Amino acid sequence: MKVLITGGAGFIGSTVASKCVDAGIDVVILDNLLTGRAEFAHRFPFYCGDIADEKLLDKVFADHSDIDATVHCAALIVVGDSVSSPARYYENNVSKSLTLVSSVQVADAGIECPSERV
C-alpha cells in the first residue's frame, strides 16, 4: 500500500508518515514547507508545493500511480491567526482542500490531462 500525506513535513503529518512506515506502508510527502520542516520528509519521495497546485498534484499522481490513499494533514492551525486572518485560513483550509479532493478524485478515476476538475 502507498499513501500520499499532505502536510507530511509538519509535526502531525511526519508522525503519521512514521507510523505508516512502521506498518509497512509506503509514503509520498507533499508539503509547502510554510510551517513544515524538510528534514522530516527527507527519507520519503518529497514534493514541495501547494495542495491546490493542480499541475503538481497531477505530477505526483503520475509519478506514483499506485497511491491507494491520501491522508490530508496540510492546514493552518494557529487559532489567533485564524481570528485575525479568517479569509486566509478559509482559503487554505477549505478552498484549497477542495482542490486537493478534486485532484484525488481525478487520479482515482484514471483521467489523464483533465480539462476541468470535478
Foldseek 3Di string as FASTA:
>chain_A
DEEEEEVCQADVNLVVCVVCVVVVYAYEYEYQPPPGDVVSCVVHNYDHDALLPLVVLLVVCVVCVPHDYYHYPDADDDVVVCVVCVVVRCCRVPVSVVSNVQSVVCSVVVPPPDPDTD
